[in-house]
N, C-alpha and C. Protein backbone atom coordinates (compact mmCIF):
# COMPACT_ATOMS: atom_id res chain seq x y z
N MET A 1 0.93 -1.04 -0.46
CA MET A 1 -0.12 0.09 0.38
C MET A 1 0.77 1.62 0.14
N ALA A 2 0.07 2.17 -1.32
CA ALA A 2 1.48 3.93 -0.73
C ALA A 2 0.90 4.46 -0.05
N ARG A 3 2.13 5.47 0.48
CA ARG A 3 1.86 6.00 1.87
C ARG A 3 1.72 6.81 0.91
N LYS A 4 0.03 8.10 1.30
CA LYS A 4 -0.01 9.30 0.93
C LYS A 4 1.21 10.44 1.96
N ARG A 5 0.96 11.14 0.65
CA ARG A 5 2.24 12.37 1.08
C ARG A 5 1.59 13.22 1.83
N ILE A 6 2.47 13.34 3.06
CA ILE A 6 1.09 14.62 3.46
C ILE A 6 2.68 15.55 3.49
N MET A 7 3.11 16.15 3.53
CA MET A 7 3.47 17.85 3.03
C MET A 7 3.64 17.86 1.16
N SER A 8 3.71 18.69 0.23
CA SER A 8 3.44 18.66 -0.39
C SER A 8 5.64 18.94 -1.06
N ASP A 9 5.52 18.78 -1.99
CA ASP A 9 6.88 18.76 -2.41
C ASP A 9 7.18 20.62 -1.93
N ARG A 10 6.83 21.21 -2.73
CA ARG A 10 6.64 22.51 -2.53
C ARG A 10 7.19 22.71 -1.61
N LEU A 11 6.16 23.06 -0.42
CA LEU A 11 6.39 23.01 0.97
C LEU A 11 7.59 22.27 1.22
N LYS A 12 8.08 21.56 1.18
CA LYS A 12 8.69 20.83 2.12
C LYS A 12 10.31 21.88 1.81
N GLU A 13 10.29 22.05 0.03
CA GLU A 13 11.06 23.34 -0.49
C GLU A 13 11.66 24.13 -0.49
N GLU A 14 10.61 25.22 0.19
CA GLU A 14 9.81 25.63 1.37
C GLU A 14 11.18 25.94 2.40
N ILE A 15 9.88 24.82 3.02
CA ILE A 15 11.65 25.31 4.87
C ILE A 15 13.16 25.19 4.85
N ALA A 16 13.00 23.65 3.70
CA ALA A 16 14.52 23.94 2.94
C ALA A 16 15.61 25.12 3.27
N LYS A 17 14.06 25.71 2.52
CA LYS A 17 15.96 27.25 2.04
C LYS A 17 15.07 27.53 2.96
N ASP A 18 13.98 27.61 3.85
CA ASP A 18 13.77 28.72 4.86
C ASP A 18 14.97 27.74 6.19
N LEU A 19 15.66 26.86 6.09
CA LEU A 19 16.07 26.32 6.95
C LEU A 19 17.72 26.69 6.50
N GLY A 20 17.69 26.21 5.78
CA GLY A 20 19.44 26.77 4.88
C GLY A 20 20.27 25.92 3.97
N PHE A 21 18.98 24.55 4.04
CA PHE A 21 20.04 23.10 3.27
C PHE A 21 19.46 22.92 2.52
N TYR A 22 19.10 23.03 1.59
CA TYR A 22 18.08 23.30 -0.05
C TYR A 22 19.40 23.57 -1.03
N ASP A 23 20.70 23.43 -1.05
CA ASP A 23 22.04 23.29 -1.60
C ASP A 23 21.59 21.93 -0.97
N VAL A 24 21.57 21.05 0.00
CA VAL A 24 22.08 19.44 -0.31
C VAL A 24 21.08 18.58 -0.53
N VAL A 25 19.21 19.20 -1.31
CA VAL A 25 18.93 18.61 -1.53
C VAL A 25 18.93 18.87 -3.07
N GLU A 26 19.38 20.21 -3.80
CA GLU A 26 19.26 19.94 -5.05
C GLU A 26 21.45 18.66 -5.43
N ARG A 27 21.90 18.69 -4.80
CA ARG A 27 22.97 18.64 -4.77
C ARG A 27 22.85 16.86 -4.83
N GLU A 28 21.79 16.52 -3.33
CA GLU A 28 21.86 14.99 -3.11
C GLU A 28 20.32 14.55 -3.00
N GLY A 29 19.51 14.66 -2.84
CA GLY A 29 17.87 14.71 -3.22
C GLY A 29 18.16 14.90 -1.78
N TRP A 30 16.48 13.86 -1.00
CA TRP A 30 16.63 14.32 1.09
C TRP A 30 17.02 13.33 1.39
N GLY A 31 17.21 12.32 0.88
CA GLY A 31 18.11 11.15 1.87
C GLY A 31 19.38 11.91 1.83
N GLY A 32 20.03 12.54 1.61
CA GLY A 32 21.04 13.09 2.28
C GLY A 32 21.48 14.41 2.55
N ILE A 33 19.86 14.65 3.33
CA ILE A 33 19.79 15.38 4.23
C ILE A 33 19.81 14.75 5.53
N LYS A 34 21.06 16.38 6.49
CA LYS A 34 20.61 14.96 8.59
C LYS A 34 19.28 14.73 8.64
N SER A 35 19.42 13.80 9.71
CA SER A 35 18.17 13.58 10.46
C SER A 35 17.86 14.92 11.55
N ARG A 36 18.44 15.74 11.93
CA ARG A 36 18.20 16.89 12.86
C ARG A 36 18.08 17.91 11.34
N ASP A 37 18.45 18.20 10.52
CA ASP A 37 17.67 19.22 9.29
C ASP A 37 16.37 18.35 9.00
N ALA A 38 15.86 17.78 8.73
CA ALA A 38 14.90 16.32 8.67
C ALA A 38 13.67 16.67 9.51
N GLY A 39 14.02 16.58 10.96
CA GLY A 39 13.03 16.95 12.42
C GLY A 39 13.00 18.21 12.43
N ASN A 40 14.36 19.18 12.28
CA ASN A 40 13.49 20.87 12.15
C ASN A 40 13.06 21.45 11.48
N MET A 41 13.06 20.11 9.97
CA MET A 41 11.11 20.24 9.10
C MET A 41 10.38 19.78 9.38
N VAL A 42 10.12 18.69 10.00
CA VAL A 42 8.54 18.51 10.89
C VAL A 42 8.16 19.44 11.66
N LYS A 43 9.13 19.99 13.32
CA LYS A 43 8.62 20.84 13.35
C LYS A 43 8.74 22.10 13.02
N ARG A 44 9.32 22.59 11.39
CA ARG A 44 8.44 24.46 11.30
C ARG A 44 7.35 23.72 10.52
N ALA A 45 7.10 22.56 9.79
CA ALA A 45 5.39 22.55 8.97
C ALA A 45 4.54 22.35 10.85
N ILE A 46 5.16 21.54 11.42
CA ILE A 46 3.85 21.48 12.79
C ILE A 46 3.52 22.99 13.19
N GLU A 47 4.46 23.64 12.98
CA GLU A 47 4.07 25.31 14.19
C GLU A 47 3.27 26.44 12.84
N MET A 48 3.62 25.67 11.31
CA MET A 48 2.82 26.49 10.15
C MET A 48 1.84 25.86 10.63
N ALA A 49 1.26 25.04 10.01
CA ALA A 49 0.17 24.34 10.06
C ALA A 49 -0.99 24.83 12.18
N GLN A 50 0.04 24.66 12.97
CA GLN A 50 -0.80 24.89 14.19
C GLN A 50 -0.98 27.15 13.93
N GLN A 51 0.06 27.59 13.02
CA GLN A 51 -0.47 28.85 13.70
C GLN A 51 -1.59 29.28 12.31
N GLN A 52 -1.39 28.73 11.18
CA GLN A 52 -2.53 28.41 9.94
C GLN A 52 -4.84 28.12 10.97
N LEU A 53 -3.56 26.74 11.80
CA LEU A 53 -5.99 26.81 12.16
C LEU A 53 -5.45 28.15 13.40
N ALA A 54 -4.59 28.74 14.28
CA ALA A 54 -4.71 29.37 14.97
C ALA A 54 -5.71 30.51 14.67
N GLU A 55 -5.17 30.82 13.06
CA GLU A 55 -5.62 32.38 12.59
C GLU A 55 -6.71 31.76 11.93
N GLU A 56 -7.30 30.77 11.71
CA GLU A 56 -8.92 30.37 10.59
C GLU A 56 -9.64 30.60 12.28
N ALA A 57 -9.23 29.44 13.05
CA ALA A 57 -10.34 29.93 14.92
C ALA A 57 -10.27 31.45 15.54
N LYS A 58 -9.41 32.58 14.68
CA LYS A 58 -9.76 33.53 15.07
C LYS A 58 -10.69 34.70 14.85
N THR A 59 -11.25 33.89 13.26
CA THR A 59 -11.36 34.21 12.38
C THR A 59 -13.00 34.34 12.07
N LYS A 60 -13.64 32.13 12.69
CA LYS A 60 -14.76 32.06 13.38
C LYS A 60 -15.44 32.77 13.94
């Protein structure tokens, strides 16, 4: 059974650029990033999602 993607490639690229390791992704692919960088990507994605939910809650 195929896994469903949670983050789009575009979002992952945006976060990698923000965190400063997108050059590694370009050279080596996603498999070339450090586990710490991958964890920081997940942390940033969660922060972004929480912020979006908080903003949506304010408008209701």
